[in-house]
Amino acid sequence: MVTRLLSCRLFVGCDSGLGHLAGYLGVPGLIVSTDDFETTWSFFRGYASLSVIPLAATELLLP
């Protein structure tokens, strides 16, 4: 999984172990918060390469 993540130009996922692994590896990405946004953001704020958005905001990104 590390090899696959390192080959990614962008990781998009939810609050999961893979999201944390991508952040630890410095893979740029977007985490969709399926829970309380503030709680999810607090878990991922230490990863400079990742941004967290609330699930409701994905409606703006997807047609």
N, C-alpha and C. Protein backbone atom coordinates (compact mmCIF):
# COMPACT_ATOMS: atom_id res chain seq x y z
N MET A 1 0.82 -1.18 0.00
CA MET A 1 0.00 0.00 0.00
C MET A 1 0.88 1.26 0.00
N VAL A 2 1.99 1.20 0.69
CA VAL A 2 2.89 2.36 0.71
C VAL A 2 3.36 2.69 -0.70
N THR A 3 3.74 1.67 -1.46
CA THR A 3 4.19 1.88 -2.83
C THR A 3 3.09 2.52 -3.67
N ARG A 4 1.88 2.03 -3.52
CA ARG A 4 0.75 2.60 -4.28
C ARG A 4 0.49 4.05 -3.90
N LEU A 5 0.49 4.33 -2.61
CA LEU A 5 0.25 5.70 -2.16
C LEU A 5 1.33 6.65 -2.65
N LEU A 6 2.58 6.20 -2.62
CA LEU A 6 3.68 7.06 -3.06
C LEU A 6 3.62 7.34 -4.56
N SER A 7 2.91 6.49 -5.31
CA SER A 7 2.79 6.73 -6.74
C SER A 7 1.61 7.65 -7.08
N CYS A 8 0.81 7.98 -6.09
CA CYS A 8 -0.37 8.84 -6.32
C CYS A 8 0.03 10.31 -6.44
N ARG A 9 -0.64 11.00 -7.35
CA ARG A 9 -0.47 12.45 -7.42
C ARG A 9 -1.44 13.14 -6.47
N LEU A 10 -2.56 12.46 -6.15
CA LEU A 10 -3.56 13.01 -5.26
C LEU A 10 -4.32 11.86 -4.62
N PHE A 11 -4.44 11.92 -3.30
CA PHE A 11 -5.23 10.93 -2.56
C PHE A 11 -6.54 11.57 -2.15
N VAL A 12 -7.64 10.91 -2.43
CA VAL A 12 -8.96 11.35 -1.97
C VAL A 12 -9.57 10.20 -1.20
N GLY A 13 -9.93 10.46 0.04
CA GLY A 13 -10.49 9.40 0.87
C GLY A 13 -11.25 9.96 2.05
N CYS A 14 -11.67 9.06 2.92
CA CYS A 14 -12.38 9.48 4.12
C CYS A 14 -11.47 9.28 5.33
N ASP A 15 -12.01 9.61 6.48
CA ASP A 15 -11.25 9.46 7.73
C ASP A 15 -10.98 7.98 7.95
N SER A 16 -9.79 7.54 7.56
CA SER A 16 -9.46 6.12 7.67
C SER A 16 -7.96 5.95 7.86
N GLY A 17 -7.56 4.73 8.04
CA GLY A 17 -6.14 4.43 8.18
C GLY A 17 -5.34 4.81 6.94
N LEU A 18 -5.94 4.61 5.77
CA LEU A 18 -5.25 4.98 4.53
C LEU A 18 -5.03 6.49 4.46
N GLY A 19 -5.98 7.25 4.94
CA GLY A 19 -5.82 8.70 4.96
C GLY A 19 -4.65 9.11 5.84
N HIS A 20 -4.54 8.49 6.99
CA HIS A 20 -3.43 8.79 7.89
C HIS A 20 -2.10 8.37 7.28
N LEU A 21 -2.09 7.23 6.62
CA LEU A 21 -0.86 6.76 5.97
C LEU A 21 -0.45 7.70 4.85
N ALA A 22 -1.42 8.15 4.06
CA ALA A 22 -1.12 9.11 2.99
C ALA A 22 -0.55 10.40 3.58
N GLY A 23 -1.14 10.87 4.66
CA GLY A 23 -0.64 12.08 5.31
C GLY A 23 0.76 11.90 5.86
N TYR A 24 1.02 10.78 6.49
CA TYR A 24 2.34 10.49 7.04
C TYR A 24 3.39 10.45 5.94
N LEU A 25 3.01 9.91 4.78
CA LEU A 25 3.94 9.81 3.65
C LEU A 25 4.09 11.12 2.88
N GLY A 26 3.24 12.10 3.20
CA GLY A 26 3.33 13.39 2.53
C GLY A 26 2.63 13.43 1.18
N VAL A 27 1.74 12.47 0.92
CA VAL A 27 1.01 12.44 -0.35
C VAL A 27 -0.06 13.54 -0.30
N PRO A 28 -0.12 14.41 -1.30
CA PRO A 28 -1.15 15.44 -1.30
C PRO A 28 -2.53 14.80 -1.38
N GLY A 29 -3.48 15.38 -0.65
CA GLY A 29 -4.78 14.76 -0.71
C GLY A 29 -5.90 15.55 -0.06
N LEU A 30 -7.06 14.95 -0.18
CA LEU A 30 -8.29 15.53 0.32
C LEU A 30 -9.01 14.47 1.14
N ILE A 31 -9.31 14.78 2.38
CA ILE A 31 -10.04 13.87 3.26
C ILE A 31 -11.46 14.39 3.38
N VAL A 32 -12.43 13.54 3.07
CA VAL A 32 -13.84 13.89 3.21
C VAL A 32 -14.28 13.49 4.60
N SER A 33 -14.74 14.46 5.36
CA SER A 33 -15.16 14.22 6.74
C SER A 33 -16.59 13.68 6.75
N THR A 34 -16.74 12.41 7.10
CA THR A 34 -18.06 11.81 7.18
C THR A 34 -18.65 11.92 8.57
N ASP A 35 -17.85 12.36 9.51
CA ASP A 35 -18.28 12.55 10.90
C ASP A 35 -18.32 14.04 11.20
N ASP A 36 -18.18 14.36 12.44
CA ASP A 36 -18.09 15.75 12.86
C ASP A 36 -16.83 16.37 12.25
N PHE A 37 -17.00 17.45 11.50
CA PHE A 37 -15.87 18.06 10.78
C PHE A 37 -14.74 18.45 11.71
N GLU A 38 -15.06 19.10 12.81
CA GLU A 38 -14.01 19.57 13.74
C GLU A 38 -13.20 18.40 14.29
N THR A 39 -13.86 17.31 14.60
CA THR A 39 -13.15 16.13 15.12
C THR A 39 -12.23 15.56 14.06
N THR A 40 -12.76 15.38 12.85
CA THR A 40 -11.93 14.84 11.76
C THR A 40 -10.76 15.77 11.47
N TRP A 41 -11.02 17.07 11.40
CA TRP A 41 -9.94 18.02 11.12
C TRP A 41 -8.86 17.93 12.19
N SER A 42 -9.26 17.77 13.44
CA SER A 42 -8.26 17.72 14.51
C SER A 42 -7.35 16.50 14.36
N PHE A 43 -7.87 15.41 13.81
CA PHE A 43 -7.05 14.21 13.60
C PHE A 43 -6.06 14.38 12.46
N PHE A 44 -6.40 15.20 11.46
CA PHE A 44 -5.59 15.33 10.25
C PHE A 44 -4.80 16.63 10.17
N ARG A 45 -4.97 17.54 11.09
CA ARG A 45 -4.32 18.85 10.97
C ARG A 45 -2.80 18.77 11.02
N GLY A 46 -2.25 17.70 11.53
CA GLY A 46 -0.80 17.55 11.59
C GLY A 46 -0.16 17.18 10.26
N TYR A 47 -0.98 16.86 9.26
CA TYR A 47 -0.46 16.48 7.95
C TYR A 47 -0.59 17.66 7.00
N ALA A 48 0.52 18.30 6.71
CA ALA A 48 0.50 19.49 5.86
C ALA A 48 0.02 19.19 4.44
N SER A 49 0.16 17.96 4.00
CA SER A 49 -0.19 17.63 2.61
C SER A 49 -1.68 17.36 2.41
N LEU A 50 -2.45 17.25 3.51
CA LEU A 50 -3.86 16.90 3.40
C LEU A 50 -4.77 18.05 3.79
N SER A 51 -5.89 18.15 3.11
CA SER A 51 -6.95 19.09 3.46
C SER A 51 -8.18 18.27 3.83
N VAL A 52 -9.00 18.80 4.73
CA VAL A 52 -10.22 18.12 5.16
C VAL A 52 -11.41 18.97 4.76
N ILE A 53 -12.41 18.32 4.16
CA ILE A 53 -13.66 19.02 3.82
C ILE A 53 -14.84 18.23 4.37
N PRO A 54 -15.92 18.92 4.74
CA PRO A 54 -17.11 18.19 5.19
C PRO A 54 -17.80 17.49 4.03
N LEU A 55 -18.48 16.40 4.32
CA LEU A 55 -19.16 15.63 3.30
C LEU A 55 -20.13 16.49 2.49
N ALA A 56 -20.82 17.41 3.14
CA ALA A 56 -21.79 18.25 2.44
C ALA A 56 -21.13 19.09 1.34
N ALA A 57 -19.86 19.42 1.49
CA ALA A 57 -19.15 20.24 0.50
C ALA A 57 -18.85 19.47 -0.78
N THR A 58 -18.91 18.15 -0.74
CA THR A 58 -18.59 17.38 -1.95
C THR A 58 -19.63 17.62 -3.03
N GLU A 59 -20.82 18.03 -2.66
CA GLU A 59 -21.85 18.34 -3.66
C GLU A 59 -21.40 19.50 -4.56
N LEU A 60 -20.55 20.36 -4.05
CA LEU A 60 -20.03 21.48 -4.84
C LEU A 60 -18.95 21.01 -5.81
N LEU A 61 -18.28 19.90 -5.46
CA LEU A 61 -17.17 19.41 -6.28
C LEU A 61 -17.61 18.43 -7.36
N LEU A 62 -18.71 17.73 -7.10
CA LEU A 62 -19.17 16.70 -8.03
C LEU A 62 -20.37 17.21 -8.82
N PRO A 63 -20.39 16.94 -10.13
CA PRO A 63 -21.52 17.42 -10.94
C PRO A 63 -22.81 16.69 -10.61
